[in-house]
Protein backbone atom coordinates (compact mmCIF):
# COMPACT_ATOMS: atom_id res chain seq x y z
CA UNK A 1 -13.35 20.36 3.32
CA UNK A 2 -12.33 16.82 2.15
CA UNK A 3 -9.14 15.00 2.44
CA UNK A 4 -8.16 11.77 0.88
CA UNK A 5 -4.81 10.01 0.94
CA UNK A 6 -3.39 6.61 -0.43
CA UNK A 7 -0.27 6.44 1.53
CA UNK A 8 0.52 6.43 5.14
CA UNK A 9 -1.25 9.38 6.70
CA UNK A 10 -0.72 11.29 9.76
CA UNK A 11 -2.37 14.66 9.67
CA UNK A 12 -2.99 17.18 12.45
CA UNK A 13 -5.16 20.20 11.98
CA UNK A 14 -4.25 23.49 13.39
CA UNK A 15 -6.66 25.28 15.80
CA UNK A 16 -7.85 28.11 13.42
CA UNK A 17 -8.61 28.74 9.80
CA UNK A 18 -8.76 32.28 8.62
CA UNK A 19 -10.73 33.32 5.50
CA UNK A 20 -12.38 36.43 3.84
CA UNK A 21 -15.97 36.53 3.19
CA UNK A 22 -17.06 37.31 -0.44
CA UNK A 23 -16.92 41.07 -1.67
CA UNK A 24 -16.18 42.31 1.92
CA UNK A 25 -13.27 43.30 4.26
CA UNK A 26 -14.56 41.12 6.95
CA UNK A 27 -12.56 38.28 8.00
CA UNK A 28 -13.90 35.09 9.66
CA UNK A 29 -11.87 32.67 11.95
CA UNK A 30 -12.88 29.10 12.33
CA UNK A 31 -11.75 27.45 15.47
CA UNK A 32 -12.05 23.54 15.78
CA UNK A 33 -10.66 20.75 18.00
CA UNK A 34 -7.53 18.92 16.73
CA UNK A 35 -7.94 15.95 14.53
CA UNK A 36 -5.56 13.09 14.13
CA UNK A 37 -5.84 10.75 11.23
CA UNK A 38 -3.71 7.64 10.80
CA UNK A 39 -4.09 5.14 7.99
CA UNK A 40 -1.95 2.46 6.22
CA UNK A 41 -2.90 3.33 2.64
CA UNK A 42 -6.66 3.73 3.50
CA UNK A 43 -8.66 6.43 2.11
CA UNK A 44 -10.12 8.85 4.58
CA UNK A 45 -12.45 11.82 4.20
CA UNK A 46 -12.65 14.48 6.78
CA UNK A 47 -15.64 16.81 6.87
CA UNK A 48 -15.93 20.04 9.04
CA UNK A 49 -19.44 21.49 9.92
CA UNK A 50 -19.32 24.84 11.41
CA UNK A 51 -21.70 25.80 14.27
CA UNK A 52 -22.09 29.20 15.91
CA UNK A 53 -19.90 29.56 19.02
CA UNK A 54 -19.68 32.40 21.44
CA UNK A 55 -20.48 34.91 18.84
CA UNK A 56 -18.24 37.83 19.45
CA UNK A 57 -16.96 40.60 17.32
CA UNK A 58 -13.15 40.98 17.88
CA UNK A 59 -11.35 43.02 15.43
CA UNK A 60 -13.43 41.97 12.49
CA UNK A 61 -13.18 38.23 13.45
CA UNK A 62 -16.09 35.99 14.11
CA UNK A 63 -15.52 32.74 16.01
CA UNK A 64 -17.20 29.48 15.19
CA UNK A 65 -16.75 26.00 16.81
CA UNK A 66 -16.26 23.15 14.30
CA UNK A 67 -16.93 19.59 14.61
CA UNK A 68 -14.68 16.99 12.73
CA UNK A 69 -15.51 13.43 11.73
CA UNK A 70 -13.60 10.85 9.83
CA UNK A 71 -14.91 7.79 8.02
CA UNK A 72 -12.77 4.98 6.55
CA UNK A 73 -13.42 3.27 3.34
CA UNK A 74 -13.58 -0.48 2.79
CA UNK A 75 -11.10 -0.45 -0.08
CA UNK A 76 -8.25 -2.92 0.37
CA UNK A 77 -4.77 -1.90 0.51
CA UNK A 78 -2.90 -2.23 -2.67
CA UNK A 79 -0.69 -5.09 -1.47
CA UNK A 80 -3.82 -7.02 -0.48
CA UNK A 81 -5.35 -7.29 -3.91
CA UNK A 82 -4.82 -10.56 -5.65
CA UNK A 83 -5.14 -11.37 -9.24
CA UNK A 84 -6.35 -14.91 -8.65
CA UNK A 85 -5.96 -18.21 -6.78
CA UNK A 86 -2.36 -18.40 -7.96
CA UNK A 87 -1.23 -15.42 -5.84
CA UNK A 88 -0.66 -16.28 -2.21
CA UNK A 89 0.14 -14.10 0.69
CA UNK A 90 2.86 -15.46 2.98
CA UNK A 91 2.81 -14.45 6.64
CA UNK A 92 5.51 -16.72 8.13
CA UNK A 93 8.37 -18.97 7.41
CA UNK A 94 6.28 -22.08 7.89
CA UNK A 95 3.72 -20.79 5.17
CA UNK A 96 6.54 -20.21 2.82
CA UNK A 97 8.13 -23.56 3.23
CA UNK A 98 4.70 -25.22 2.98
CA UNK A 99 3.91 -23.34 -0.19
CA UNK A 100 7.02 -24.48 -1.84
CA UNK A 101 6.63 -28.03 -0.85
CA UNK A 102 2.91 -28.14 -2.02
CA UNK A 103 3.82 -26.55 -5.47
CA UNK A 104 5.51 -29.70 -6.56
CA UNK A 105 7.06 -29.39 -10.01
CA UNK A 106 5.27 -26.09 -10.77
CA UNK A 107 7.32 -22.74 -11.08
CA UNK A 108 7.02 -20.63 -8.07
CA UNK A 109 7.84 -16.98 -8.32
CA UNK A 110 8.16 -15.13 -4.91
CA UNK A 111 7.99 -11.46 -4.80
CA UNK A 112 9.46 -9.66 -1.65
CA UNK A 113 7.84 -6.47 -1.16
CA UNK A 114 7.50 -3.52 1.29
CA UNK A 115 4.30 -1.84 1.98
CA UNK A 116 6.13 1.46 2.01
CA UNK A 117 8.18 0.70 -1.15
CA UNK A 118 6.98 3.06 -4.01
CA UNK A 119 8.85 0.75 -6.75
CA UNK A 120 6.94 -2.34 -5.15
CA UNK A 121 3.62 -0.36 -5.43
CA UNK A 122 4.21 0.80 -8.99
CA UNK A 123 5.28 -2.79 -10.19
CA UNK A 124 2.54 -4.52 -8.38
CA UNK A 125 -0.37 -4.15 -10.96
CA UNK A 126 2.04 -5.51 -13.64
CA UNK A 127 2.82 -8.67 -11.50
CA UNK A 128 -0.96 -9.24 -10.94
CA UNK A 129 -1.49 -9.06 -14.79
CA UNK A 130 1.38 -11.46 -15.28
CA UNK A 131 -0.10 -13.81 -12.74
CA UNK A 132 -3.53 -13.71 -14.58
CA UNK A 133 -1.68 -14.61 -17.96
CA UNK A 134 0.08 -17.58 -16.12
CA UNK A 135 -2.34 -19.46 -13.99
CA UNK A 136 0.04 -22.36 -14.15
CA UNK A 137 2.64 -20.45 -12.28
CA UNK A 138 2.30 -19.84 -8.36
CA UNK A 139 3.10 -16.35 -7.11
CA UNK A 140 3.95 -16.05 -3.46
CA UNK A 141 3.94 -12.55 -2.02
CA UNK A 142 6.17 -12.03 1.02
CA UNK A 143 5.76 -8.65 3.01
CA UNK A 144 9.19 -7.73 4.22
CA UNK A 145 8.06 -6.15 7.45
CA UNK A 146 5.85 -9.26 8.45
CA UNK A 147 8.60 -11.61 7.55
CA UNK A 148 12.00 -9.90 8.55
CA UNK A 149 13.56 -13.10 9.80
CA UNK A 150 12.75 -15.03 6.59
CA UNK A 151 14.08 -12.17 4.43
CA UNK A 152 17.33 -11.92 6.43
CA UNK A 153 17.97 -15.60 6.13
CA UNK A 154 17.45 -15.14 2.20
CA UNK A 155 19.59 -12.21 2.24
CA UNK A 156 16.85 -9.96 0.77
CA UNK A 157 18.34 -6.39 1.05
CA UNK A 158 16.56 -4.73 -1.94
CA UNK A 159 12.93 -4.34 -2.84
CA UNK A 160 11.18 -5.47 -4.76
CA UNK A 161 13.02 -8.67 -5.19
CA UNK A 162 12.18 -12.02 -6.92
CA UNK A 163 13.06 -15.59 -6.32
CA UNK A 164 12.22 -18.47 -8.93
CA UNK A 165 11.81 -21.98 -7.58
CA UNK A 166 10.88 -25.26 -8.94
CA UNK A 167 10.48 -28.48 -7.07
CA UNK A 168 13.75 -30.53 -6.57
CA UNK A 169 15.86 -27.94 -8.61
CA UNK A 170 15.28 -25.43 -5.66
CA UNK A 171 16.13 -21.85 -6.31
CA UNK A 172 16.68 -21.10 -10.06
CA UNK A 173 17.25 -17.41 -10.23
CA UNK A 174 16.87 -14.35 -8.09
CA UNK A 175 17.11 -10.70 -8.91
CA UNK A 176 15.77 -7.16 -8.07
CA UNK A 177 13.27 -5.56 -10.55
CA UNK A 178 11.40 -2.35 -10.78
CA UNK A 179 8.83 -1.25 -13.36
CA UNK A 180 11.56 0.05 -15.65
CA UNK A 181 13.07 -3.42 -15.67
CA UNK A 182 9.76 -5.37 -16.04
CA UNK A 183 11.20 -7.13 -19.11
CA UNK A 184 13.61 -8.74 -17.00
CA UNK A 185 10.84 -10.62 -15.01
CA UNK A 186 9.16 -11.53 -18.18
CA UNK A 187 12.45 -12.88 -19.78
CA UNK A 188 13.02 -15.00 -16.55
CA UNK A 189 9.43 -16.45 -16.75
CA UNK A 190 9.99 -17.40 -20.43
CA UNK A 191 13.22 -19.01 -19.37
CA UNK A 192 11.98 -21.13 -16.62
CA UNK A 193 8.34 -21.66 -17.44
CA UNK A 194 8.93 -24.62 -19.76
CA UNK A 195 7.76 -28.16 -19.65
CA UNK A 196 9.85 -29.99 -17.20
C-alpha cells in the first residue's frame, strides 16, 4: 500500500483492514499499529509488510501483525523552488529592507504568498517563468506566515499579493493577482520595467 501527498498531510490509519481472498468466501483481517504521518508538502510513501501473528481462526478471520515504515523524499517544497539568482527568499523585515536598498534603480517585484494558499501555488510556476524571462528584475518572495509583522505593516490582507518598487520612487504599484489574472502582472511589468 503506497500513499503520497503534496499538501499538508496528517493521516492516521485504523487498526484493521478487512478484505476477501480471491475466489473464496474466506475473509482476512490485517491488524497493524497506528501510523501518524505529518508533512509540509513533502511526499511520503508508506509501506506495510504483513507478518504472521497469533494465527487463529475466528469466524473465518485470520489475524496478521503489520509493520509500517515511512520515508520522506528530498524534493523541495513548491515555494522553495527558485527560477534563478534574481529570486530571493525574504525571512525578516531586515532582509526585506536590505534587499530593497541594495536593488538600487532596478525594478523590484515583491510576491507575498502563503504556503497553504492554493492560488499562490497555482501562480508560482508562472512567476518563476517570468523571473527567468526578466533577469534584470529582482523578485522577492515573502512568506506570509514567516513575516506576519511585516505583512501587517504593509497592510497585506489578500494572497497572493504583489508590490512593485524602484529606488527613490519607492512603491510604484500594488495589487492582488491570481492565475486567472496573470495578464495584470505582465501588464504592470511592461509599464514599470522601462529604462529609468
